Protein backbone atom coordinates (compact mmCIF):
# COMPACT_ATOMS: atom_id res chain seq x y z
CA MET A 1 71.03 171.55 52.28
CA ASP A 2 71.17 167.97 52.91
CA ILE A 3 67.82 166.28 52.89
CA TYR A 4 69.13 163.17 54.73
CA ASP A 5 69.47 165.46 57.83
CA HIS A 6 65.92 166.24 57.87
CA ALA A 7 64.87 162.50 58.00
CA LYS A 8 63.29 161.14 61.44
CA LEU A 9 62.01 157.69 63.07
CA LEU A 10 58.94 157.32 63.90
CA PRO A 11 59.10 156.17 67.13
CA LYS A 12 56.03 153.54 67.96
CA GLU A 13 55.00 155.26 71.26
CA ASP A 14 54.02 158.14 68.93
CA LEU A 15 52.19 155.87 65.80
CA GLN A 16 48.92 156.28 68.15
CA LYS A 17 48.91 159.68 68.59
CA ILE A 18 49.83 160.62 65.02
CA CYS A 19 46.97 158.24 63.07
CA GLY A 20 44.60 158.78 66.08
CA ASP A 21 41.77 160.93 63.91
CA VAL A 22 41.67 158.18 61.10
CA GLU A 23 42.63 154.93 63.55
CA THR A 24 38.89 153.76 63.03
CA ILE A 25 38.64 153.89 59.65
CA ILE A 26 41.80 152.28 58.86
CA ASP A 27 40.57 149.50 61.05
CA ARG A 28 37.60 149.31 58.85
CA ILE A 29 39.68 148.92 55.66
CA MET A 30 40.64 145.88 56.70
CA LEU A 31 39.10 142.70 55.60
CA ASN A 32 39.07 139.44 57.83
CA TYR A 33 39.20 136.02 56.74
CA ASN A 34 39.84 133.21 59.06
CA LYS A 35 39.59 130.00 56.97
CA THR A 36 42.66 128.19 57.65
CA SER A 37 41.49 124.69 56.07
CA PHE A 38 40.54 124.08 52.90
CA ASN A 39 38.59 121.72 50.87
CA ILE A 40 41.12 118.87 49.48
CA LEU A 41 38.93 116.40 47.90
CA ASN A 42 37.77 119.01 45.36
CA ILE A 43 40.76 120.00 44.03
CA LYS A 44 38.90 123.25 42.10
CA GLU A 45 37.32 124.62 45.18
CA GLY A 46 39.92 123.93 47.17
CA PHE A 47 42.30 126.29 45.11
CA TYR A 48 39.99 129.19 44.72
CA GLU A 49 39.51 129.04 48.81
CA LEU A 50 43.42 128.94 48.57
CA ASP A 51 43.97 131.83 45.96
CA LEU A 52 41.32 133.96 47.60
CA SER A 53 42.89 133.86 51.16
CA TYR A 54 46.15 134.88 49.26
CA TRP A 55 44.18 138.12 47.75
CA ILE A 56 42.73 139.01 51.15
CA THR A 57 46.17 138.68 52.63
CA GLU A 58 47.65 140.75 49.96
CA TYR A 59 45.23 143.05 50.16
CA ASN A 60 45.13 143.62 54.22
CA ASN A 61 48.91 143.73 53.41
CA ARG A 62 48.57 146.23 51.03
CA VAL A 63 46.59 148.37 53.55
CA PHE A 64 49.19 147.81 56.34
CA ASP A 65 51.94 149.35 53.96
CA LEU A 66 49.44 152.40 53.06
CA THR A 67 48.80 152.62 57.17
CA THR A 68 52.79 153.22 57.40
CA ASN A 69 53.17 155.09 54.44
CA TYR A 70 50.14 157.64 56.38
CA SER A 71 52.11 157.47 59.31
CA LEU A 72 55.38 158.63 58.05
CA MET A 73 53.68 161.29 55.22
CA LYS A 74 51.53 162.87 58.66
CA MET A 75 54.54 162.99 61.02
CA TYR A 76 56.38 165.32 58.83
CA TYR A 77 53.17 167.03 57.97
CA ASP A 78 52.55 167.88 62.10
CA ALA A 79 56.73 168.75 62.25
CA GLY A 80 55.14 171.76 60.44
CA ILE A 81 54.88 172.84 56.57
CA PRO A 82 53.90 176.17 56.38
CA ASP A 83 52.97 176.13 52.75
CA GLN A 84 49.59 177.89 53.06
CA GLN A 85 50.91 181.07 51.85
CA TRP A 86 53.50 179.73 49.42
CA HIS A 87 54.37 182.79 47.73
CA LYS A 88 54.16 186.89 47.79
CA SER A 89 53.98 189.98 45.69
CA PRO A 90 56.72 191.71 46.26
CA GLY A 91 58.96 189.90 48.75
CA ASP A 92 60.98 190.38 51.62
CA ASN A 93 64.08 191.61 49.74
CA GLY A 94 62.03 193.31 47.16
CA GLU A 95 61.38 190.71 44.60
CA SER A 96 58.95 190.17 42.68
CA VAL A 97 57.36 187.49 43.47
CA GLN A 98 59.14 185.18 47.12
CA TYR A 99 58.22 181.66 47.36
CA PHE A 100 57.49 180.22 50.81
CA PRO A 101 57.77 182.87 52.05
CA HIS A 102 57.84 181.52 56.06
CA PHE A 103 60.23 178.48 55.53
CA THR A 104 63.38 177.81 57.22
CA GLU A 105 65.66 175.14 56.04
CA GLU A 106 64.05 172.51 58.39
CA HIS A 107 60.70 172.98 56.60
CA PHE A 108 61.80 172.48 53.18
CA GLY A 109 63.25 169.38 54.89
CA ASN A 110 59.41 168.49 55.87
CA LEU A 111 57.95 169.47 52.89
CA TYR A 112 60.40 167.05 51.05
CA TRP A 113 59.58 164.04 52.69
CA PHE A 114 55.95 164.87 53.14
CA SER A 115 55.98 164.55 49.48
CA PHE A 116 58.21 161.84 49.09
CA TYR A 117 55.61 159.58 51.45
CA MET A 118 52.32 161.33 49.91
CA GLU A 119 53.16 160.29 46.30
CA SER A 120 53.55 156.90 47.16
CA PHE A 121 50.47 156.99 49.05
CA TYR A 122 48.49 157.48 45.96
CA THR A 123 49.97 154.47 43.89
CA ARG A 124 49.84 152.57 46.88
CA PHE A 125 46.02 153.35 47.03
CA ASP A 126 45.71 152.44 43.62
CA GLY A 127 47.14 149.07 44.15
CA ILE A 128 44.76 148.49 46.84
CA ILE A 129 41.94 148.72 44.87
CA ASP A 130 43.46 146.11 42.31
CA SER A 131 43.52 143.78 44.75
CA ILE A 132 40.00 144.02 45.24
CA PHE A 133 39.26 143.28 41.84
CA HIS A 134 41.71 140.04 42.25
CA ALA A 135 39.74 138.96 45.11
CA LEU A 136 36.70 139.40 43.41
CA ASN A 137 38.05 137.43 40.55
CA THR A 138 38.71 134.84 42.79
CA LYS A 139 35.35 134.75 44.64
CA TYR A 140 33.52 134.65 41.88
CA MET A 141 35.60 132.10 39.87
CA PHE A 142 36.05 134.58 36.51
CA ASN A 143 39.15 133.28 35.21
CA ILE A 144 40.29 136.37 33.71
CA GLU A 145 43.85 137.04 33.74
CA PRO A 146 45.54 140.20 34.99
CA LYS A 147 46.09 142.43 32.44
CA LEU A 148 45.49 145.27 30.47
CA GLY A 149 41.64 145.82 31.02
CA PHE A 150 41.91 143.79 34.19
CA ARG A 151 39.35 145.68 36.02
CA ARG A 152 36.79 146.70 33.07
CA GLU A 153 37.05 142.57 32.26
CA VAL A 154 36.01 142.05 35.67
CA LEU A 155 33.19 144.56 35.81
CA LYS A 156 31.40 142.75 33.30
CA LYS A 157 31.47 139.36 34.98
CA LEU A 158 30.28 141.25 37.92
CA LYS A 159 27.30 142.14 36.53
CA GLN A 160 25.75 139.44 36.01
CA ALA A 161 27.26 137.58 39.35
CA ASN A 162 26.71 140.59 41.63
CA PRO A 163 24.42 143.68 40.20
CA ILE A 164 24.59 145.59 43.24
CA LEU A 165 28.69 145.64 44.01
CA HIS A 166 29.23 146.30 39.70
CA ASP A 167 26.72 149.16 40.02
CA TYR A 168 28.45 150.62 42.88
CA PHE A 169 32.26 150.17 41.10
CA THR A 170 30.99 151.19 37.83
CA SER A 171 29.54 154.72 39.99
CA LEU A 172 33.12 154.76 41.32
CA PRO A 173 34.40 156.64 39.00
CA GLU A 174 32.24 159.58 39.78
CA ASP A 175 32.90 159.93 42.97
CA GLN A 176 34.56 163.75 43.55
CA ILE A 177 36.83 162.00 46.23
CA TYR A 178 38.07 159.21 43.68
CA LYS A 179 38.24 161.32 40.91
CA LYS A 180 40.42 163.58 42.75
CA VAL A 181 42.81 160.73 44.00
CA ASN A 182 42.79 160.02 40.46
CA GLU A 183 43.83 163.34 39.41
CA PHE A 184 46.54 163.42 41.73
CA ARG A 185 47.68 160.17 41.04
CA ASN A 186 48.31 160.77 37.40
CA SER A 187 49.67 163.32 37.49
CA ILE A 188 51.86 163.05 39.86
CA VAL A 189 53.08 159.98 37.71
CA HIS A 190 52.36 160.85 34.21
CA ASN A 191 52.96 164.62 34.04
CA TYR A 192 53.86 167.82 36.32
CA ARG A 193 53.73 167.36 40.10
CA PRO A 194 51.15 169.40 41.58
CA ASN A 195 53.15 169.47 44.85
CA GLN A 196 56.10 171.42 42.97
CA ILE A 197 55.43 174.94 41.78
CA SER A 198 54.75 174.38 37.97
CA SER A 199 56.50 176.63 35.48
CA GLY A 200 54.04 178.94 34.97
CA SER A 201 53.78 178.79 31.09
CA GLN A 202 50.90 177.74 29.18
CA ARG A 203 50.71 176.95 25.26
CA ILE A 204 47.72 177.21 23.62
CA LYS A 205 46.52 176.07 20.15
CA LYS A 206 44.44 178.66 17.78
CA GLU A 207 41.40 177.71 15.50
CA ASP A 208 43.90 179.12 12.91
CA GLY A 209 46.65 176.19 14.11
CA SER A 210 48.88 178.67 15.54
CA ILE A 211 50.37 178.47 19.13
CA LEU A 212 50.12 181.20 21.41
CA TYR A 213 52.94 181.31 24.09
CA ARG A 214 51.68 182.34 27.69
CA ARG A 215 53.71 183.40 30.82
CA LEU A 216 51.08 182.89 33.52
CA GLY A 217 53.58 184.53 36.46
CA ILE A 218 53.52 182.48 39.42
CA GLY A 219 52.68 179.10 38.49
CA ASN A 220 50.26 176.50 40.28
CA TYR A 221 50.91 174.71 43.60
CA THR A 222 49.00 172.30 45.36
CA THR A 223 49.32 172.45 49.25
CA SER A 224 50.36 170.45 51.91
CA THR A 225 46.91 170.70 53.80
CA GLU A 226 44.96 170.05 50.29
CA PHE A 227 46.89 166.40 50.13
CA LEU A 228 46.40 165.59 52.96
CA ASN A 229 43.09 166.36 53.28
CA ASN A 230 41.71 164.41 49.84
CA ILE A 231 44.21 161.71 51.41
CA ASN A 232 41.66 161.34 54.71
CA GLU A 233 38.99 161.69 52.28
CA SER A 234 40.34 158.74 50.55
CA LEU A 235 40.54 156.55 53.66
CA GLU A 236 37.15 156.92 54.61
CA LEU A 237 36.43 155.82 50.79
CA LEU A 238 38.37 153.10 50.79
CA ALA A 239 36.13 152.46 53.98
CA GLU A 240 32.96 152.41 52.34
CA ILE A 241 34.73 150.27 49.68
CA ALA A 242 35.74 147.46 51.91
CA ASP A 243 32.26 147.84 53.33
CA LYS A 244 30.75 146.85 50.32
CA VAL A 245 32.10 143.70 49.70
CA ARG A 246 32.94 142.79 52.93
CA THR A 247 30.02 139.87 53.04
CA VAL A 248 31.03 138.90 49.81
CA LEU A 249 35.14 138.84 50.37
CA GLU A 250 34.63 136.85 54.02
CA GLY A 251 32.02 134.59 53.24
CA THR A 252 29.25 136.15 55.46
CA GLU A 253 26.90 136.78 52.72
CA LEU A 254 23.59 134.95 52.62
CA ASP A 255 23.16 132.81 49.90
């Protein structure tokens, strides 16, 4: 199978139909920043105003990229990926296990391209969160250098500058949707990809230090619908995060 035979273009007129269910949510994720002139008499203030304008623009650009990513992913999902039953035993031809019993070649093509855009969605999601922390770092003039532990250092400063936001972002890792997003992202980037059928093998270290090797059979697999459900929930979470930072970053916060 040549995977490029199943690559599709997304007609502009189909974009609203594909994103219709999440269109209002995506609109909420965007931030407004209408400042077009900056204080040139106060060099420091003008510098931070300009830098904040950059980070909010960068944030919105990343949201646009995420939306494009979502649209292409959803297009392939809507084209058909019958993986709710991704294995059966025995198989149609007497196999002990038959994987993807309802798939044709086209379905395999749809699954490949869906997975291609799904995987990048999770890394783009993480980049959007980073952009928010950069914007907060600039807004409050924390001057924290972008290196390992950047988010943690911003949170430390935020505790005094804005305790409400600090508490919200500190509690975010306990949010069940955010946990699942991180779980998928970490598996996709660092471990086996959950959108692939795992080997079904397991290595267990016993108390006496010996290793037990087990073959679990069919392996593990996460269906396209499970990913899509989590991604739709993650968009709602991004909208909630945007609502939390909106007044601060858009400059409408009351003194």
